[in-house]
PDB file of N, CA and C in Angstrom:
ATOM      1  N   MET A   1     108.251 130.999  96.933  1.00  0.00           N
ATOM      2  CA  MET A   1     109.394 131.802  97.278  1.00  0.00           C
ATOM      3  C   MET A   1     110.558 131.387  96.380  1.00  0.00           C
ATOM      4  N   LYS A   2     111.220 132.357  95.792  1.00  0.00           N
ATOM      5  CA  LYS A   2     112.342 132.064  94.897  1.00  0.00           C
ATOM      6  C   LYS A   2     113.629 131.898  95.699  1.00  0.00           C
ATOM      7  N   LYS A   3     114.459 130.972  95.232  1.00  0.00           N
ATOM      8  CA  LYS A   3     115.717 130.672  95.906  1.00  0.00           C
ATOM      9  C   LYS A   3     116.874 131.106  95.003  1.00  0.00           C
ATOM     10  N   TYR A   4     117.831 131.839  95.578  1.00  0.00           N
ATOM     11  CA  TYR A   4     118.987 132.337  94.840  1.00  0.00           C
ATOM     12  C   TYR A   4     120.276 131.871  95.491  1.00  0.00           C
ATOM     13  N   MET A   5     121.347 131.875  94.691  1.00  0.00           N
ATOM     14  CA  MET A   5     122.667 131.482  95.166  1.00  0.00           C
ATOM     15  C   MET A   5     123.660 132.581  94.792  1.00  0.00           C
ATOM     16  N   LEU A   6     124.639 132.777  95.644  1.00  0.00           N
ATOM     17  CA  LEU A   6     125.682 133.769  95.367  1.00  0.00           C
ATOM     18  C   LEU A   6     126.621 133.285  94.264  1.00  0.00           C
ATOM     19  N   LYS A   7     126.870 134.139  93.278  1.00  0.00           N
ATOM     20  CA  LYS A   7     127.833 133.838  92.218  1.00  0.00           C
ATOM     21  C   LYS A   7     129.251 134.174  92.661  1.00  0.00           C
ATOM     22  N   ASN A   8     129.389 135.166  93.511  1.00  0.00           N
ATOM     23  CA  ASN A   8     130.685 135.667  93.982  1.00  0.00           C
ATOM     24  C   ASN A   8     130.618 135.848  95.490  1.00  0.00           C
ATOM     25  N   ASP A   9     131.766 135.988  96.132  1.00  0.00           N
ATOM     26  CA  ASP A   9     131.770 136.371  97.540  1.00  0.00           C
ATOM     27  C   ASP A   9     131.129 137.756  97.635  1.00  0.00           C
ATOM     28  N   PHE A  10     130.278 137.954  98.623  1.00  0.00           N
ATOM     29  CA  PHE A  10     129.543 139.210  98.760  1.00  0.00           C
ATOM     30  C   PHE A  10     129.412 139.540 100.237  1.00  0.00           C
ATOM     31  N   ARG A  11     129.900 140.715 100.601  1.00  0.00           N
ATOM     32  CA  ARG A  11     129.941 141.144 101.995  1.00  0.00           C
ATOM     33  C   ARG A  11     130.614 140.052 102.825  1.00  0.00           C
ATOM     34  N   ASP A  12     129.964 139.458 103.791  1.00  0.00           N
ATOM     35  CA  ASP A  12     130.595 138.414 104.618  1.00  0.00           C
ATOM     36  C   ASP A  12     130.192 137.007 104.195  1.00  0.00           C
ATOM     37  N   PHE A  13     129.576 136.855 103.037  1.00  0.00           N
ATOM     38  CA  PHE A  13     129.070 135.562 102.584  1.00  0.00           C
ATOM     39  C   PHE A  13     129.958 134.991 101.489  1.00  0.00           C
ATOM     40  N   LYS A  14     130.112 133.689 101.508  1.00  0.00           N
ATOM     41  CA  LYS A  14     130.938 132.989 100.526  1.00  0.00           C
ATOM     42  C   LYS A  14     130.130 132.616  99.294  1.00  0.00           C
ATOM     43  N   LYS A  15     130.810 132.467  98.181  1.00  0.00           N
ATOM     44  CA  LYS A  15     130.206 132.011  96.937  1.00  0.00           C
ATOM     45  C   LYS A  15     129.469 130.701  97.192  1.00  0.00           C
ATOM     46  N   GLY A  16     128.250 130.582  96.661  1.00  0.00           N
ATOM     47  CA  GLY A  16     127.470 129.364  96.832  1.00  0.00           C
ATOM     48  C   GLY A  16     126.444 129.422  97.947  1.00  0.00           C
ATOM     49  N   ALA A  17     126.509 130.455  98.796  1.00  0.00           N
ATOM     50  CA  ALA A  17     125.523 130.591  99.872  1.00  0.00           C
ATOM     51  C   ALA A  17     124.141 130.779  99.256  1.00  0.00           C
ATOM     52  N   GLN A  18     123.125 130.208  99.889  1.00  0.00           N
ATOM     53  CA  GLN A  18     121.776 130.270  99.347  1.00  0.00           C
ATOM     54  C   GLN A  18     120.919 131.264 100.120  1.00  0.00           C
ATOM     55  N   PHE A  19     120.037 131.947  99.378  1.00  0.00           N
ATOM     56  CA  PHE A  19     119.164 132.966  99.943  1.00  0.00           C
ATOM     57  C   PHE A  19     117.770 132.826  99.358  1.00  0.00           C
ATOM     58  N   TYR A  20     116.776 133.277 100.125  1.00  0.00           N
ATOM     59  CA  TYR A  20     115.397 133.340  99.655  1.00  0.00           C
ATOM     60  C   TYR A  20     115.046 134.791  99.382  1.00  0.00           C
ATOM     61  N   LEU A  21     114.396 135.036  98.247  1.00  0.00           N
ATOM     62  CA  LEU A  21     113.925 136.384  97.921  1.00  0.00           C
ATOM     63  C   LEU A  21     112.613 136.598  98.654  1.00  0.00           C
ATOM     64  N   ILE A  22     112.605 137.522  99.595  1.00  0.00           N
ATOM     65  CA  ILE A  22     111.434 137.797 100.418  1.00  0.00           C
ATOM     66  C   ILE A  22     110.570 138.883  99.777  1.00  0.00           C
ATOM     67  N   ALA A  23     111.201 139.952  99.286  1.00  0.00           N
ATOM     68  CA  ALA A  23     110.441 141.060  98.709  1.00  0.00           C
ATOM     69  C   ALA A  23     111.282 141.801  97.690  1.00  0.00           C
ATOM     70  N   GLU A  24     110.595 142.363  96.710  1.00  0.00           N
ATOM     71  CA  GLU A  24     111.253 143.267  95.774  1.00  0.00           C
ATOM     72  C   GLU A  24     110.337 144.467  95.591  1.00  0.00           C
ATOM     73  N   SER A  25     110.927 145.646  95.524  1.00  0.00           N
ATOM     74  CA  SER A  25     110.126 146.848  95.388  1.00  0.00           C
ATOM     75  C   SER A  25     110.805 147.810  94.421  1.00  0.00           C
ATOM     76  N   GLU A  26     110.001 148.681  93.870  1.00  0.00           N
ATOM     77  CA  GLU A  26     110.517 149.698  92.964  1.00  0.00           C
ATOM     78  C   GLU A  26     109.841 151.014  93.297  1.00  0.00           C
ATOM     79  N   PHE A  27     110.646 152.043  93.503  1.00  0.00           N
ATOM     80  CA  PHE A  27     110.140 153.363  93.816  1.00  0.00           C
ATOM     81  C   PHE A  27     110.909 154.375  92.984  1.00  0.00           C
ATOM     82  N   ILE A  28     110.228 155.044  92.099  1.00  0.00           N
ATOM     83  CA  ILE A  28     110.827 156.038  91.197  1.00  0.00           C
ATOM     84  C   ILE A  28     112.030 155.453  90.458  1.00  0.00           C
ATOM     85  N   GLY A  29     111.871 154.268  89.916  1.00  0.00           N
ATOM     86  CA  GLY A  29     112.907 153.656  89.098  1.00  0.00           C
ATOM     87  C   GLY A  29     114.038 152.991  89.852  1.00  0.00           C
ATOM     88  N   ILE A  30     114.000 153.004  91.175  1.00  0.00           N
ATOM     89  CA  ILE A  30     115.047 152.370  91.977  1.00  0.00           C
ATOM     90  C   ILE A  30     114.493 151.071  92.539  1.00  0.00           C
ATOM     91  N   LYS A  31     115.105 149.965  92.142  1.00  0.00           N
ATOM     92  CA  LYS A  31     114.667 148.656  92.633  1.00  0.00           C
ATOM     93  C   LYS A  31     115.474 148.266  93.858  1.00  0.00           C
ATOM     94  N   GLU A  32     114.784 147.616  94.792  1.00  0.00           N
ATOM     95  CA  GLU A  32     115.434 147.126  95.992  1.00  0.00           C
ATOM     96  C   GLU A  32     114.923 145.723  96.273  1.00  0.00           C
ATOM     97  N   TYR A  33     115.814 144.858  96.732  1.00  0.00           N
ATOM     98  CA  TYR A  33     115.476 143.473  97.016  1.00  0.00           C
ATOM     99  C   TYR A  33     115.790 143.161  98.475  1.00  0.00           C
ATOM    100  N   VAL A  34     114.938 142.350  99.085  1.00  0.00           N
ATOM    101  CA  VAL A  34     115.163 141.883 100.448  1.00  0.00           C
ATOM    102  C   VAL A  34     115.298 140.370 100.384  1.00  0.00           C
ATOM    103  N   LEU A  35     116.425 139.883 100.877  1.00  0.00           N
ATOM    104  CA  LEU A  35     116.709 138.450 100.873  1.00  0.00           C
ATOM    105  C   LEU A  35     116.974 137.967 102.286  1.00  0.00           C
ATOM    106  N   ARG A  36     116.693 136.688 102.516  1.00  0.00           N
ATOM    107  CA  ARG A  36     116.998 136.032 103.785  1.00  0.00           C
ATOM    108  C   ARG A  36     117.950 134.883 103.523  1.00  0.00           C
ATOM    109  N   SER A  37     118.881 134.674 104.437  1.00  0.00           N
ATOM    110  CA  SER A  37     119.817 133.566 104.300  1.00  0.00           C
ATOM    111  C   SER A  37     119.067 132.244 104.368  1.00  0.00           C
ATOM    112  N   GLY A  38     119.719 131.172 103.960  1.00  0.00           N
ATOM    113  CA  GLY A  38     119.109 129.852 103.928  1.00  0.00           C
ATOM    114  C   GLY A  38     118.533 129.410 105.257  1.00  0.00           C
ATOM    115  N   ASP A  39     119.148 129.827 106.362  1.00  0.00           N
ATOM    116  CA  ASP A  39     118.639 129.474 107.693  1.00  0.00           C
ATOM    117  C   ASP A  39     117.682 130.531 108.241  1.00  0.00           C
ATOM    118  N   LEU A  40     117.380 131.553 107.435  1.00  0.00           N
ATOM    119  CA  LEU A  40     116.443 132.645 107.747  1.00  0.00           C
ATOM    120  C   LEU A  40     116.883 133.550 108.898  1.00  0.00           C
ATOM    121  N   LYS A  41     118.138 133.490 109.292  1.00  0.00           N
ATOM    122  CA  LYS A  41     118.620 134.312 110.403  1.00  0.00           C
ATOM    123  C   LYS A  41     119.071 135.703 109.961  1.00  0.00           C
ATOM    124  N   ILE A  42     119.599 135.817 108.747  1.00  0.00           N
ATOM    125  CA  ILE A  42     120.192 137.074 108.296  1.00  0.00           C
ATOM    126  C   ILE A  42     119.356 137.670 107.176  1.00  0.00           C
ATOM    127  N   ARG A  43     119.160 138.986 107.242  1.00  0.00           N
ATOM    128  CA  ARG A  43     118.374 139.716 106.252  1.00  0.00           C
ATOM    129  C   ARG A  43     119.283 140.668 105.482  1.00  0.00           C
ATOM    130  N   LEU A  44     119.187 140.648 104.155  1.00  0.00           N
ATOM    131  CA  LEU A  44     119.951 141.561 103.299  1.00  0.00           C
ATOM    132  C   LEU A  44     118.987 142.447 102.539  1.00  0.00           C
ATOM    133  N   SER A  45     119.288 143.713 102.467  1.00  0.00           N
ATOM    134  CA  SER A  45     118.542 144.641 101.634  1.00  0.00           C
ATOM    135  C   SER A  45     119.539 145.231 100.645  1.00  0.00           C
ATOM    136  N   ILE A  46     119.357 144.933  99.349  1.00  0.00           N
ATOM    137  CA  ILE A  46     120.334 145.337  98.342  1.00  0.00           C
ATOM    138  C   ILE A  46     119.636 145.999  97.151  1.00  0.00           C
ATOM    139  N   ASN A  47     120.409 146.750  96.377  1.00  0.00           N
ATOM    140  CA  ASN A  47     119.850 147.399  95.193  1.00  0.00           C
ATOM    141  C   ASN A  47     119.931 146.481  93.976  1.00  0.00           C
ATOM    142  N   ASP A  48     119.388 146.933  92.867  1.00  0.00           N
ATOM    143  CA  ASP A  48     119.284 146.121  91.655  1.00  0.00           C
ATOM    144  C   ASP A  48     120.645 145.716  91.093  1.00  0.00           C
ATOM    145  N   SER A  49     121.599 146.632  91.052  1.00  0.00           N
ATOM    146  CA  SER A  49     122.903 146.300  90.465  1.00  0.00           C
ATOM    147  C   SER A  49     123.648 145.257  91.304  1.00  0.00           C
ATOM    148  N   GLU A  50     123.582 145.357  92.627  1.00  0.00           N
ATOM    149  CA  GLU A  50     124.216 144.351  93.487  1.00  0.00           C
ATOM    150  C   GLU A  50     123.539 142.995  93.304  1.00  0.00           C
ATOM    151  N   PHE A  51     122.220 143.011  93.185  1.00  0.00           N
ATOM    152  CA  PHE A  51     121.461 141.771  93.026  1.00  0.00           C
ATOM    153  C   PHE A  51     121.841 141.063  91.730  1.00  0.00           C
ATOM    154  N   ARG A  52     121.839 141.780  90.623  1.00  0.00           N
ATOM    155  CA  ARG A  52     122.131 141.182  89.317  1.00  0.00           C
ATOM    156  C   ARG A  52     123.592 140.733  89.205  1.00  0.00           C
ATOM    157  N   LYS A  53     124.491 141.453  89.852  1.00  0.00           N
ATOM    158  CA  LYS A  53     125.914 141.128  89.777  1.00  0.00           C
ATOM    159  C   LYS A  53     126.278 139.899  90.604  1.00  0.00           C
ATOM    160  N   ASN A  54     125.586 139.676  91.726  1.00  0.00           N
ATOM    161  CA  ASN A  54     126.031 138.674  92.700  1.00  0.00           C
ATOM    162  C   ASN A  54     125.129 137.455  92.889  1.00  0.00           C
ATOM    163  N   PHE A  55     123.915 137.463  92.335  1.00  0.00           N
ATOM    164  CA  PHE A  55     122.984 136.367  92.615  1.00  0.00           C
ATOM    165  C   PHE A  55     122.496 135.697  91.342  1.00  0.00           C
ATOM    166  N   ILE A  56     122.222 134.382  91.451  1.00  0.00           N
ATOM    167  CA  ILE A  56     121.709 133.584  90.348  1.00  0.00           C
ATOM    168  C   ILE A  56     120.506 132.783  90.854  1.00  0.00           C
ATOM    169  N   LEU A  57     119.462 132.680  90.043  1.00  0.00           N
ATOM    170  CA  LEU A  57     118.245 131.971  90.409  1.00  0.00           C
ATOM    171  C   LEU A  57     118.463 130.465  90.430  1.00  0.00           C
ATOM    172  N   LEU A  58     118.021 129.812  91.511  1.00  0.00           N
ATOM    173  CA  LEU A  58     118.085 128.349  91.608  1.00  0.00           C
ATOM    174  C   LEU A  58     116.735 127.723  91.287  1.00  0.00           C
ATOM    175  N   SER A  59     115.681 128.233  91.909  1.00  0.00           N
ATOM    176  CA  SER A  59     114.345 127.686  91.653  1.00  0.00           C
ATOM    177  C   SER A  59     113.276 128.710  91.940  1.00  0.00           C
TER     178      SER A  59
END
């Protein structure tokens, strides 16, 4: 499972918050990512541009 960190404040999360990439999908050229917070309580479903703008790979 890949681990990502927020580069910027995003929605209600502060810069530096960690997330796990649970799933990524592509349908007719539209990519969507599903992430879980570090404590696995919160689920985010975001598009490709939001993902690339706000997240950085940790491991």
